[in-house]
Protein backbone atom coordinates (compact mmCIF):
# COMPACT_ATOMS: atom_id res chain seq x y z
CA MET A 1 1.17 -25.52 -11.95
CA ARG A 2 1.16 -27.97 -9.19
CA TYR A 3 1.85 -26.41 -5.55
CA ASP A 4 3.64 -27.92 -2.88
CA GLY A 5 1.74 -28.47 0.17
CA ARG A 6 4.10 -29.33 2.47
CA LEU A 7 3.54 -26.30 4.84
CA SER A 8 -0.36 -26.82 4.92
CA ARG A 9 -0.13 -30.59 5.47
CA MET A 10 2.12 -30.58 8.47
CA LEU A 11 0.50 -27.69 9.91
CA HIS A 12 -2.98 -29.13 9.60
CA VAL A 13 -0.89 -32.41 11.24
CA LEU A 14 0.65 -30.28 13.96
CA ILE A 15 -2.69 -29.08 15.45
CA HIS A 16 -4.10 -32.38 14.93
CA LEU A 17 -1.53 -33.69 17.02
CA ALA A 18 -1.90 -30.56 19.54
CA ARG A 19 -5.65 -31.62 20.18
CA HIS A 20 -5.09 -35.29 19.96
CA GLU A 21 -5.00 -37.54 23.33
CA GLY A 22 -1.85 -39.50 22.84
CA PRO A 23 0.64 -40.11 19.95
CA MET A 24 -0.82 -40.46 16.41
CA THR A 25 0.95 -43.19 13.96
CA SER A 26 2.05 -42.39 10.69
CA GLU A 27 -0.06 -44.51 9.27
CA THR A 28 -2.83 -42.61 10.79
CA ILE A 29 -1.78 -39.24 9.84
CA ALA A 30 -1.23 -40.71 6.27
CA ARG A 31 -4.95 -41.79 6.28
CA MET A 32 -6.04 -38.37 7.22
CA LEU A 33 -4.29 -36.29 4.47
CA ASP A 34 -4.49 -39.27 1.74
CA THR A 35 -0.79 -40.03 1.21
CA ASN A 36 1.78 -42.42 2.14
CA PRO A 37 2.93 -43.00 5.87
CA ALA A 38 6.69 -43.27 4.45
CA LEU A 39 6.18 -39.77 3.12
CA ILE A 40 4.77 -38.81 6.20
CA ARG A 41 7.89 -39.99 8.24
CA ARG A 42 10.15 -38.40 6.04
CA THR A 43 8.38 -34.90 6.13
CA MET A 44 7.79 -35.14 10.13
CA SER A 45 11.64 -35.97 10.14
CA GLY A 46 12.53 -32.15 9.51
CA LEU A 47 9.87 -31.30 12.50
CA ARG A 48 11.66 -33.61 14.78
CA GLU A 49 15.03 -32.59 13.87
CA ALA A 50 14.02 -28.88 15.00
CA GLY A 51 12.42 -30.17 18.35
CA TYR A 52 8.65 -29.44 17.41
CA VAL A 53 7.45 -33.17 17.64
CA ARG A 54 8.70 -36.29 19.11
CA SER A 55 8.36 -40.01 18.04
CA GLU A 56 8.10 -43.13 19.81
CA LYS A 57 8.57 -46.69 18.06
CA GLY A 58 6.40 -49.63 19.04
CA HIS A 59 3.11 -50.73 20.42
CA GLY A 60 1.52 -47.43 21.55
CA GLY A 61 4.11 -45.17 19.65
CA GLY A 62 3.56 -42.39 17.41
CA TRP A 63 4.50 -38.90 16.83
CA THR A 64 3.54 -36.14 19.51
CA ILE A 65 3.92 -32.64 19.87
CA ALA A 66 7.13 -31.44 21.50
CA THR A 67 7.24 -27.92 21.86
CA ASP A 68 4.94 -25.01 23.36
CA LEU A 69 2.76 -23.95 20.41
CA ASN A 70 3.29 -20.49 21.23
CA THR A 71 6.97 -20.59 20.40
CA VAL A 72 6.47 -22.05 16.98
CA THR A 73 5.40 -20.02 13.88
CA LEU A 74 4.05 -20.93 10.41
CA LEU A 75 7.99 -19.72 8.80
CA ASP A 76 9.42 -21.99 11.52
CA VAL A 77 7.68 -24.79 10.23
CA HIS A 78 8.10 -23.91 6.45
CA ARG A 79 11.64 -23.98 7.09
CA ALA A 80 11.64 -27.16 9.09
CA VAL A 81 9.92 -29.31 6.38
CA GLY A 82 12.36 -28.11 3.78
CA GLY A 83 10.14 -25.76 1.95
CA PRO A 84 10.41 -24.60 -1.49
CA ARG A 85 11.32 -21.01 -2.30
CA LEU A 86 8.34 -18.94 -1.56
CA PHE A 87 7.40 -17.75 -5.30
CA ALA A 88 7.76 -19.87 -8.23
CA ILE A 89 8.05 -16.48 -10.45
CA GLY A 90 11.87 -15.61 -11.48
CA LEU A 91 13.97 -13.90 -13.81
CA GLU A 92 14.81 -15.92 -17.17
CA ASN A 93 18.22 -14.44 -17.29
CA ALA A 94 19.72 -12.90 -14.36
CA ASN A 95 22.37 -10.65 -16.13
CA PRO A 96 20.93 -10.30 -19.95
CA GLY A 97 22.69 -8.20 -22.36
CA CYS A 98 19.28 -6.76 -23.46
CA GLN A 99 18.40 -3.88 -21.96
CA VAL A 100 14.46 -4.34 -22.40
CA ALA A 101 15.16 -7.71 -20.40
CA GLY A 102 17.32 -5.79 -17.92
CA VAL A 103 14.55 -3.04 -17.06
CA VAL A 104 12.07 -6.00 -16.75
CA ASN A 105 14.33 -8.14 -14.45
CA GLU A 106 14.89 -5.09 -12.11
CA ALA A 107 11.18 -4.76 -11.82
CA LEU A 108 10.21 -8.00 -11.52
CA GLU A 109 13.13 -8.40 -8.70
CA SER A 110 11.99 -5.72 -6.76
CA ALA A 111 8.59 -6.55 -6.82
CA LEU A 112 9.17 -10.24 -5.88
CA GLN A 113 11.83 -8.98 -2.79
CA GLU A 114 9.19 -6.86 -1.49
CA ALA A 115 6.32 -9.60 -1.70
CA GLU A 116 8.65 -12.41 0.07
CA ARG A 117 9.86 -9.86 2.92
CA LEU A 118 5.84 -9.41 3.55
CA LEU A 119 4.98 -13.08 3.21
CA VAL A 120 7.79 -14.01 5.24
CA ALA A 121 7.02 -11.53 8.04
CA ARG A 122 3.62 -12.41 7.82
CA LEU A 123 4.33 -16.24 8.61
CA ALA A 124 6.90 -15.39 11.20
CA SER A 125 3.98 -13.35 12.80
CA ILE A 126 1.38 -16.48 13.31
CA SER A 127 2.16 -19.26 15.68
CA LEU A 128 0.86 -22.73 15.87
CA ALA A 129 -0.90 -21.55 19.00
CA GLU A 130 -3.14 -19.15 17.53
CA LEU A 131 -3.92 -21.71 14.67
CA ALA A 132 -5.16 -23.92 17.61
CA ARG A 133 -6.83 -20.97 19.18
CA THR A 134 -8.60 -20.08 16.00
CA PHE A 135 -9.77 -23.97 15.65
CA ASP A 136 -10.98 -24.21 19.30
CA GLN A 137 -13.26 -20.89 18.76
CA ARG A 138 -14.79 -22.55 15.50
CA CYS A 139 -14.99 -26.13 16.67
CA GLY A 140 -13.71 -26.67 20.24
CA HIS A 141 -11.58 -29.92 20.65
CA LEU A 142 -13.31 -32.39 18.35
CA LEU A 143 -10.92 -32.95 15.09
CA PRO A 144 -12.66 -34.54 12.17
CA HIS A 145 -10.73 -37.47 10.75
């Protein structure tokens, strides 16, 4: 199964931007993530609309952080990049006529709702500032490219 890496990639980019002197172009970010600059611009636009980054066109332009890292959580970023449902597991038939399927669906739905509540709460409890501090503690301010 292929995973949606938008959240992970954009968290990576945001920490780079927070620790980088000056703006970073879409091309630079794309090389860093081994992807296409157009994909970077499209994904970053959600972060810009949320007010987390800004972009400047022209010579010397690019993407910069536009917010206090303490105020943005992993859940905020997930929502800003249009992240998919948190789990790919789902019910085959939400209103089955079969009693066995009904029992199975009830158990799965309950477990999935509980797991999603826990994951959402955890993502909401971690700020970008925490990621930056952890990075700083491990590596200092030198970011690999």
